[in-house]
């Protein structure tokens, strides 16, 4: 539910006049110190492990290439898309994990999961066509940005697996998030004066909520869940995410509850849920 609130918070921050790069800089600047602190604790706890320097460099680069671009593209997409449609697009990132895994890492490409994603993308098409009638070209641009975010996040996940095995999840996350933060802050300094960080009190409160409530806290809760329940169960529970975003958008942003949104959400959640079942049976 906290992850699902991310798009809502971003939209509220945009309404305060905060642009994409500034909001991203605030988010990373506020959240990374916490990740670094956790990473330092993990390093001190496991410092007897001999971790080669290239492993740290690789994790840093993965964060720079994967998490930074994924976040930036996602924020750019939300400039024109509704939070519920953005969440539906991001929710289909496992498809790109399958495709990129087959293309780059020679992983087997299975057709039953692909059929499940056909149902999900039918749902995306339903919502896209309805939004395109009112938004036109802006909807196309926003959709392409969020699709790019989904592809980038899928690549991040594929690349992260080996590094997590070496560094451990807390230390890897700390290093990768630091790498992403460096790129974000350099982008901000290259395009904005430092005074741009002096946003309104409401805008700053939204940035803090985004950084802590929709970034740091849910990531740790997810890790805690994975230590207690299976990844398949975690994914199944995660199908609630687009539904939560849909109703939060209606309740907080005043978005209309359209039948086309309900249909599209049902198809996407159903498709991704079917993929989870098929994948679990395969294992």
Foldseek 3Di string as FASTA:
>chain_A
DLQLCLLVLLVVLVVLVAALLLLVLLLLVQQLVVLLVLLVVLCVVVVVADFDPVLLVLLLVLLQQFVLLLSSLLSLLSVQDASLLLVLLLLLLVVLLLVCCCVPVVDDRDVQLVVLVVLLVVLSVLVLVVVCVPRPPSNVSSSVSSNVSSNSNSVSVVSCPVSCVRSNDSNSVSSSSVSSSVVSVVVCVVPHDPCSNVGDPVSSVSSNCSNVRNPVVVVVVLVVVVVPDPPLVVQLVVLCSSVVSLVCCCVPVVDDDDPSSVSSSCSNSRSSNSSSVVVVVVD
